[in-house]
Amino acid sequence: MGWLSGWNSKRELIAHLRDNFSNDGCSHRILRDSVVGRNFWFVAEHKTNGERSIVLCLLSGKFKSERCGPWGYKDMGESSHPYYYDCPLGLLDLAPVACQEWRDGVRAYHRAKKRTFAVGERVSLPDTFRPHEFVITSVKPLLGREFNATAHDMAPFGRDYRLPRTRILEAKVAEPAG
């Protein structure tokens, strides 16, 4: 439930996880792993009964202690629905389903990540984002200008926002501008 820390670098921490992963005293071996940003994903196989599971270790380099290094991790299994969806698709085929909702989210994440946009396309982000609607003004880099929904036009003095793909994964095409 908590974080384990004490490694001096991300590389050192990942090497430790690859070499020494164990859970509740039951030894596992890692069949395949992948580092995605600060997420370390792997499929673990229990050495005695052969059960497989997908595990996520959140990595952080923000721990400050005089006695140990700044890098640490928190692990969680697929069955706890980790709410992180950048797990490589190749890992899903190596372990039985423990949480179908999470796997659907992983597949949706990868579909959305591949989505292409066109200049002039109007997109709407989730309500938690302000501004809420944009018209794509550039695809490389991906930029959008605030859309004035009441005037049905781009705001004349609206600024262009860089739209990282992680911010537009839930975007829905509203209608073409113009």
Protein backbone atom coordinates (compact mmCIF):
# COMPACT_ATOMS: atom_id res chain seq x y z
CA MET A 1 0.00 0.00 0.00
CA GLY A 2 2.92 2.32 0.62
CA TRP A 3 6.08 3.23 -1.22
CA LEU A 4 9.45 1.51 -0.95
CA SER A 5 12.43 3.79 -1.50
CA GLY A 6 16.19 3.68 -1.24
CA TRP A 7 17.64 3.56 -4.75
CA ASN A 8 19.97 6.20 -6.12
CA SER A 9 18.71 6.22 -9.71
CA LYS A 10 15.82 5.09 -11.84
CA ARG A 11 18.14 2.63 -13.62
CA GLU A 12 19.24 1.13 -10.28
CA LEU A 13 15.62 0.78 -9.13
CA ILE A 14 14.52 -0.95 -12.34
CA ALA A 15 17.48 -3.33 -12.14
CA HIS A 16 16.42 -4.20 -8.58
CA LEU A 17 12.83 -4.84 -9.65
CA ARG A 18 13.93 -7.04 -12.54
CA ASP A 19 16.28 -9.08 -10.36
CA ASN A 20 14.45 -9.31 -7.07
CA PHE A 21 10.72 -8.98 -7.55
CA SER A 22 8.74 -10.90 -4.97
CA ASN A 23 5.24 -10.45 -3.60
CA ASP A 24 4.19 -11.57 -0.13
CA GLY A 25 7.20 -13.86 0.06
CA CYS A 26 6.18 -15.83 -3.04
CA SER A 27 8.87 -15.63 -5.66
CA HIS A 28 7.95 -14.67 -9.20
CA ARG A 29 9.85 -14.33 -12.38
CA ILE A 30 9.32 -11.54 -14.87
CA LEU A 31 8.36 -12.83 -18.32
CA ARG A 32 8.38 -9.46 -20.10
CA ASP A 33 8.66 -5.88 -18.95
CA SER A 34 8.51 -2.35 -20.28
CA VAL A 35 9.25 1.11 -18.93
CA VAL A 36 6.79 3.78 -20.05
CA GLY A 37 7.84 7.12 -18.58
CA ARG A 38 7.75 6.52 -14.84
CA ASN A 39 5.64 3.38 -15.09
CA PHE A 40 7.35 -0.01 -14.99
CA TRP A 41 4.99 -2.65 -16.38
CA PHE A 42 5.66 -6.38 -16.30
CA VAL A 43 4.06 -9.79 -16.43
CA ALA A 44 5.01 -11.86 -13.41
CA GLU A 45 4.77 -15.62 -13.30
CA HIS A 46 4.56 -17.37 -9.94
CA LYS A 47 7.45 -19.85 -9.79
CA THR A 48 5.54 -22.63 -8.04
CA ASN A 49 2.02 -22.57 -9.51
CA GLY A 50 2.65 -20.79 -12.84
CA GLU A 51 -0.05 -18.14 -12.33
CA ARG A 52 0.58 -15.00 -14.32
CA SER A 53 -0.41 -11.41 -13.63
CA ILE A 54 0.25 -7.91 -14.92
CA VAL A 55 1.94 -5.64 -12.40
CA LEU A 56 2.57 -1.91 -12.47
CA CYS A 57 5.28 -0.25 -10.41
CA LEU A 58 4.89 3.50 -10.17
CA LEU A 59 8.39 5.00 -10.02
CA SER A 60 9.25 8.22 -8.25
CA GLY A 61 12.50 10.08 -7.70
CA LYS A 62 11.12 12.52 -5.14
CA PHE A 63 11.95 10.82 -1.87
CA LYS A 64 14.27 12.78 0.38
CA SER A 65 16.03 10.99 3.18
CA GLU A 66 19.47 11.10 4.69
CA ARG A 67 19.58 7.30 4.96
CA CYS A 68 18.40 6.17 1.54
CA GLY A 69 18.33 7.16 -2.12
CA PRO A 70 15.62 9.31 -3.69
CA TRP A 71 14.11 6.67 -5.99
CA GLY A 72 11.26 4.40 -4.92
CA TYR A 73 8.26 2.48 -6.20
CA LYS A 74 4.72 1.46 -5.41
CA ASP A 75 3.43 -1.74 -6.99
CA MET A 76 -0.11 -2.73 -7.87
CA GLY A 77 -1.69 -5.51 -9.85
CA GLU A 78 -4.21 -5.43 -12.66
CA SER A 79 -6.94 -6.69 -10.32
CA SER A 80 -6.80 -3.39 -8.40
CA HIS A 81 -7.63 -1.44 -11.60
CA PRO A 82 -4.59 0.85 -11.42
CA TYR A 83 -6.11 3.78 -13.42
CA TYR A 84 -2.99 3.98 -15.56
CA TYR A 85 -3.59 2.89 -19.12
CA ASP A 86 -0.22 3.10 -20.87
CA CYS A 87 0.49 -0.60 -20.39
CA PRO A 88 1.99 -2.04 -23.60
CA LEU A 89 -0.61 -4.06 -25.50
CA GLY A 90 1.81 -6.99 -25.86
CA LEU A 91 1.63 -7.66 -22.12
CA LEU A 92 -2.14 -8.19 -22.18
CA ASP A 93 -1.78 -11.45 -24.14
CA LEU A 94 0.62 -12.96 -21.60
CA ALA A 95 -1.66 -13.00 -18.56
CA PRO A 96 -5.30 -13.96 -17.93
CA VAL A 97 -7.83 -11.16 -17.49
CA ALA A 98 -8.10 -9.94 -13.91
CA CYS A 99 -10.00 -6.70 -14.65
CA GLN A 100 -11.79 -6.41 -18.00
CA GLU A 101 -12.70 -2.76 -17.41
CA TRP A 102 -9.02 -1.85 -17.00
CA ARG A 103 -8.03 -3.79 -20.14
CA ASP A 104 -10.74 -2.01 -22.12
CA GLY A 105 -9.26 1.27 -20.87
CA VAL A 106 -5.77 0.22 -22.00
CA ARG A 107 -7.04 -0.62 -25.48
CA ALA A 108 -9.00 2.66 -25.69
CA TYR A 109 -5.88 4.58 -24.61
CA HIS A 110 -3.82 3.05 -27.41
CA ARG A 111 -6.55 3.64 -30.03
CA ALA A 112 -6.85 7.29 -29.01
CA LYS A 113 -3.09 7.75 -28.98
CA LYS A 114 -2.95 6.74 -32.66
CA ARG A 115 -5.76 9.11 -33.62
CA THR A 116 -4.92 11.74 -36.18
CA PHE A 117 -6.36 15.23 -36.33
CA ALA A 118 -6.89 17.66 -39.19
CA VAL A 119 -6.52 21.42 -39.22
CA GLY A 120 -9.98 22.94 -38.81
CA GLU A 121 -11.37 19.99 -36.87
CA ARG A 122 -13.32 20.98 -33.77
CA VAL A 123 -12.75 18.94 -30.63
CA SER A 124 -14.38 19.04 -27.24
CA LEU A 125 -12.46 18.06 -24.12
CA PRO A 126 -13.98 16.74 -20.88
CA ASP A 127 -15.83 19.34 -18.79
CA THR A 128 -12.99 19.48 -16.27
CA PHE A 129 -10.81 21.29 -18.85
CA ARG A 130 -10.96 25.03 -19.43
CA PRO A 131 -11.25 26.13 -22.15
CA HIS A 132 -13.48 23.27 -23.16
CA GLU A 133 -13.63 23.43 -26.97
CA PHE A 134 -10.90 23.94 -29.55
CA VAL A 135 -10.40 24.13 -33.27
CA ILE A 136 -7.22 22.38 -34.40
CA THR A 137 -4.87 24.97 -35.91
CA SER A 138 -1.76 22.81 -36.35
CA VAL A 139 -1.07 19.09 -36.27
CA LYS A 140 2.71 19.27 -35.73
CA PRO A 141 2.91 20.44 -33.04
CA LEU A 142 -0.71 19.74 -32.14
CA LEU A 143 -2.26 23.13 -31.40
CA GLY A 144 -5.82 24.24 -30.89
CA ARG A 145 -7.47 27.64 -30.62
CA GLU A 146 -10.23 28.22 -28.12
CA PHE A 147 -13.63 27.85 -29.79
CA ASN A 148 -16.43 30.23 -28.85
CA ALA A 149 -19.44 27.91 -28.81
CA THR A 150 -22.03 30.69 -28.46
CA ALA A 151 -20.73 32.61 -31.50
CA HIS A 152 -20.01 29.37 -33.41
CA ASP A 153 -16.60 30.70 -34.36
CA MET A 154 -13.05 30.71 -33.16
CA ALA A 155 -12.50 33.40 -30.59
CA PRO A 156 -11.01 36.33 -32.55
CA PHE A 157 -8.32 36.89 -29.95
CA GLY A 158 -8.26 33.34 -28.63
CA ARG A 159 -4.85 31.98 -27.98
CA ASP A 160 -3.46 28.76 -29.36
CA TYR A 161 -2.94 26.01 -26.81
CA ARG A 162 -0.50 23.17 -27.19
CA LEU A 163 -2.61 20.02 -26.95
CA PRO A 164 -0.56 17.09 -25.70
CA ARG A 165 -2.15 13.82 -26.74
CA THR A 166 -2.63 12.84 -23.11
CA ARG A 167 -5.01 15.81 -22.79
CA ILE A 168 -7.10 14.93 -25.82
CA LEU A 169 -7.54 11.21 -25.33
CA GLU A 170 -11.14 11.75 -24.31
CA ALA A 171 -11.79 14.39 -26.95
CA LYS A 172 -14.79 13.95 -29.18
CA VAL A 173 -15.17 15.47 -32.61
CA ALA A 174 -17.91 18.06 -32.34
CA GLU A 175 -18.32 19.29 -35.92
CA PRO A 176 -16.12 20.84 -38.58
CA ALA A 177 -15.45 24.52 -38.08
CA GLY A 178 -16.30 26.99 -40.73
